[in-house]
C-alpha atoms as a PDB file:
ATOM      1  CA  MET A   1      21.615   6.130  12.607  1.00  0.00           C
ATOM      2  CA  HIS A   2      24.995   8.496  12.398  1.00  0.00           C
ATOM      3  CA  GLU A   3      24.418  11.523  10.686  1.00  0.00           C
ATOM      4  CA  LEU A   4      27.185  11.203   8.456  1.00  0.00           C
ATOM      5  CA  ALA A   5      25.399   7.738   6.962  1.00  0.00           C
ATOM      6  CA  THR A   6      21.963   9.247   6.773  1.00  0.00           C
ATOM      7  CA  ASP A   7      23.437  12.015   4.407  1.00  0.00           C
ATOM      8  CA  ILE A   8      25.279   9.792   2.490  1.00  0.00           C
ATOM      9  CA  ILE A   9      21.721   7.430   1.969  1.00  0.00           C
ATOM     10  CA  ASN A  10      19.909  11.004   1.074  1.00  0.00           C
ATOM     11  CA  LYS A  11      22.332  11.488  -1.449  1.00  0.00           C
ATOM     12  CA  ASN A  12      22.288   8.036  -3.350  1.00  0.00           C
ATOM     13  CA  ILE A  13      18.728   7.087  -2.541  1.00  0.00           C
ATOM     14  CA  GLU A  14      17.661   6.791  -6.178  1.00  0.00           C
ATOM     15  CA  LYS A  15      21.074   4.506  -6.774  1.00  0.00           C
ATOM     16  CA  ILE A  16      20.097   2.550  -4.193  1.00  0.00           C
ATOM     17  CA  ILE A  17      16.872   1.981  -5.250  1.00  0.00           C
ATOM     18  CA  ASP A  18      17.869   1.252  -9.123  1.00  0.00           C
ATOM     19  CA  ASN A  19      20.440  -0.948  -7.735  1.00  0.00           C
ATOM     20  CA  HIS A  20      17.479  -3.188  -6.313  1.00  0.00           C
ATOM     21  CA  SER A  21      15.710  -3.490  -9.873  1.00  0.00           C
ATOM     22  CA  TYR A  22      14.435  -6.957 -10.458  1.00  0.00           C
ATOM     23  CA  GLU A  23      16.656  -6.489 -13.634  1.00  0.00           C
ATOM     24  CA  ASN A  24      19.528  -6.073 -11.975  1.00  0.00           C
ATOM     25  CA  GLN A  25      19.034  -8.238  -8.947  1.00  0.00           C
ATOM     26  CA  LYS A  26      18.510 -11.350 -11.151  1.00  0.00           C
ATOM     27  CA  ASN A  27      21.749 -10.977 -12.547  1.00  0.00           C
ATOM     28  CA  VAL A  28      23.623  -9.870  -9.857  1.00  0.00           C
ATOM     29  CA  ASN A  29      22.186 -11.901  -7.080  1.00  0.00           C
ATOM     30  CA  PRO A  30      20.715 -14.736  -8.827  1.00  0.00           C
ATOM     31  CA  TYR A  31      20.678 -16.259  -5.502  1.00  0.00           C
ATOM     32  CA  GLY A  32      19.293 -13.814  -3.370  1.00  0.00           C
ATOM     33  CA  CYS A  33      15.540 -14.779  -4.117  1.00  0.00           C
ATOM     34  CA  ILE A  34      14.299 -18.119  -5.823  1.00  0.00           C
ATOM     35  CA  CYS A  35      12.008 -15.722  -8.216  1.00  0.00           C
ATOM     36  CA  TYR A  36      15.514 -13.996  -9.514  1.00  0.00           C
ATOM     37  CA  GLY A  37      17.006 -17.752 -10.176  1.00  0.00           C
ATOM     38  CA  LEU A  38      13.560 -19.018 -11.643  1.00  0.00           C
ATOM     39  CA  ASP A  39      13.543 -15.743 -14.064  1.00  0.00           C
ATOM     40  CA  ALA A  40       9.948 -15.360 -12.903  1.00  0.00           C
ATOM     41  CA  LYS A  41       8.375 -12.436 -10.980  1.00  0.00           C
ATOM     42  CA  CYS A  42       6.758 -12.290  -7.921  1.00  0.00           C
ATOM     43  CA  HIS A  43       4.680  -9.179  -9.376  1.00  0.00           C
ATOM     44  CA  ASN A  44       3.903  -8.943 -12.695  1.00  0.00           C
ATOM     45  CA  ILE A  45       4.561  -5.245 -13.247  1.00  0.00           C
ATOM     46  CA  GLU A  46       7.206  -3.782 -15.411  1.00  0.00           C
ATOM     47  CA  ASN A  47      10.212  -2.613 -13.872  1.00  0.00           C
ATOM     48  CA  LEU A  48       9.789  -4.268 -10.673  1.00  0.00           C
ATOM     49  CA  ASN A  49      11.655  -2.941  -7.744  1.00  0.00           C
ATOM     50  CA  CYS A  50      12.898  -5.353  -5.013  1.00  0.00           C
ATOM     51  CA  PHE A  51      14.321  -2.895  -2.703  1.00  0.00           C
ATOM     52  CA  PHE A  52      10.982  -3.639  -0.253  1.00  0.00           C
ATOM     53  CA  CYS A  53      10.290  -7.003  -0.552  1.00  0.00           C
ATOM     54  CA  TYR A  54       8.351  -7.382   2.521  1.00  0.00           C
ATOM     55  CA  CYS A  55       6.115  -4.130   2.171  1.00  0.00           C
ATOM     56  CA  PRO A  56       6.717  -1.461   5.065  1.00  0.00           C
ATOM     57  CA  ASN A  57       2.875  -0.934   5.366  1.00  0.00           C
ATOM     58  CA  TYR A  58       2.444  -4.260   6.329  1.00  0.00           C
ATOM     59  CA  ASP A  59       0.766  -3.741   9.554  1.00  0.00           C
ATOM     60  CA  ARG A  60       1.917  -6.329  11.987  1.00  0.00           C
ATOM     61  CA  THR A  61       0.719  -4.990  15.190  1.00  0.00           C
ATOM     62  CA  ILE A  62      -2.504  -6.700  15.212  1.00  0.00           C
ATOM     63  CA  LEU A  63      -2.928 -10.524  14.516  1.00  0.00           C
ATOM     64  CA  GLU A  64      -4.439 -10.523  11.208  1.00  0.00           C
ATOM     65  CA  GLY A  65      -2.395  -7.926   9.720  1.00  0.00           C
ATOM     66  CA  LYS A  66      -3.718  -4.901   7.930  1.00  0.00           C
ATOM     67  CA  CYS A  67      -2.175  -2.239   5.106  1.00  0.00           C
ATOM     68  CA  LYS A  68      -1.439   0.392   6.714  1.00  0.00           C
ATOM     69  CA  ILE A  69      -2.129   2.793   3.525  1.00  0.00           C
ATOM     70  CA  ASP A  70      -5.378   0.497   2.756  1.00  0.00           C
ATOM     71  CA  SER A  71      -4.472  -0.419  -0.735  1.00  0.00           C
ATOM     72  CA  PRO A  72      -7.234  -1.413  -2.575  1.00  0.00           C
ATOM     73  CA  ASP A  73      -5.334  -4.195  -3.660  1.00  0.00           C
ATOM     74  CA  GLY A  74      -5.239  -6.009  -0.813  1.00  0.00           C
ATOM     75  CA  LYS A  75      -7.844  -8.415   1.091  1.00  0.00           C
ATOM     76  CA  TYR A  76      -8.024 -10.716   3.916  1.00  0.00           C
ATOM     77  CA  ILE A  77      -7.720 -14.164   3.336  1.00  0.00           C
ATOM     78  CA  GLU A  78      -9.416 -17.190   5.064  1.00  0.00           C
ATOM     79  CA  THR A  79      -6.364 -19.984   6.598  1.00  0.00           C
ATOM     80  CA  ILE A  80      -6.518 -22.999   8.680  1.00  0.00           C
ATOM     81  CA  ASN A  81      -5.054 -20.131  11.471  1.00  0.00           C
ATOM     82  CA  GLY A  82      -7.671 -17.669  10.897  1.00  0.00           C
ATOM     83  CA  ARG A  83      -8.128 -14.490   8.660  1.00  0.00           C
ATOM     84  CA  VAL A  84      -4.683 -12.908   7.204  1.00  0.00           C
ATOM     85  CA  TRP A  85      -4.070  -9.837   5.007  1.00  0.00           C
ATOM     86  CA  ASP A  86      -2.934 -11.039   2.123  1.00  0.00           C
ATOM     87  CA  CYS A  87      -1.035  -8.188   0.015  1.00  0.00           C
ATOM     88  CA  SER A  88       0.352 -10.455  -3.019  1.00  0.00           C
ATOM     89  CA  ASP A  89      -1.877  -8.274  -5.794  1.00  0.00           C
ATOM     90  CA  CYS A  90      -0.384  -5.480  -4.363  1.00  0.00           C
ATOM     91  CA  THR A  91       2.369  -3.193  -6.267  1.00  0.00           C
ATOM     92  CA  PHE A  92       2.802  -0.479  -4.452  1.00  0.00           C
ATOM     93  CA  PRO A  93       6.279  -0.424  -2.754  1.00  0.00           C
ATOM     94  CA  HIS A  94       7.795  -2.366  -5.724  1.00  0.00           C
ATOM     95  CA  LYS A  95       7.336   0.827  -8.217  1.00  0.00           C
ATOM     96  CA  ARG A  96      10.478   2.629  -8.271  1.00  0.00           C
ATOM     97  CA  GLU A  97       8.554   6.223  -7.515  1.00  0.00           C
ATOM     98  CA  ASN A  98       6.948   4.272  -4.618  1.00  0.00           C
ATOM     99  CA  ALA A  99      10.435   2.752  -3.385  1.00  0.00           C
ATOM    100  CA  ILE A 100      12.183   6.220  -3.482  1.00  0.00           C
ATOM    101  CA  LYS A 101       9.131   7.944  -1.576  1.00  0.00           C
ATOM    102  CA  LEU A 102       9.758   4.909   1.380  1.00  0.00           C
ATOM    103  CA  LEU A 103      13.073   5.323   1.641  1.00  0.00           C
ATOM    104  CA  GLU A 104      13.198   9.380   1.765  1.00  0.00           C
ATOM    105  CA  LYS A 105      10.418   8.652   4.430  1.00  0.00           C
ATOM    106  CA  LEU A 106      12.684   6.429   6.704  1.00  0.00           C
ATOM    107  CA  PHE A 107      15.599   8.996   6.462  1.00  0.00           C
ATOM    108  CA  LYS A 108      14.666  12.805   6.470  1.00  0.00           C
END
């Protein structure tokens, strides 16, 4: 990535993350997610942050998936297609402070 773009992102990480709070997104982007339109959070946590709608810690290099940080909130579930990692109970990337750390890690 261009150095100027990286610098701009690094200087605005908190603004970027705050813009993706659930409360803000359901108002400014009501069609961006089915949950916004239904006013129903996908994770029942205070100050839900939607910047990492998918988890960057989900390991897609193995067929059944895995958590790169070994979150205790995830689990394997059996499906008709075999075992798959389910992290729907994990709130790690949806907490503001963790989203900031993850974004900083991507651009440092």
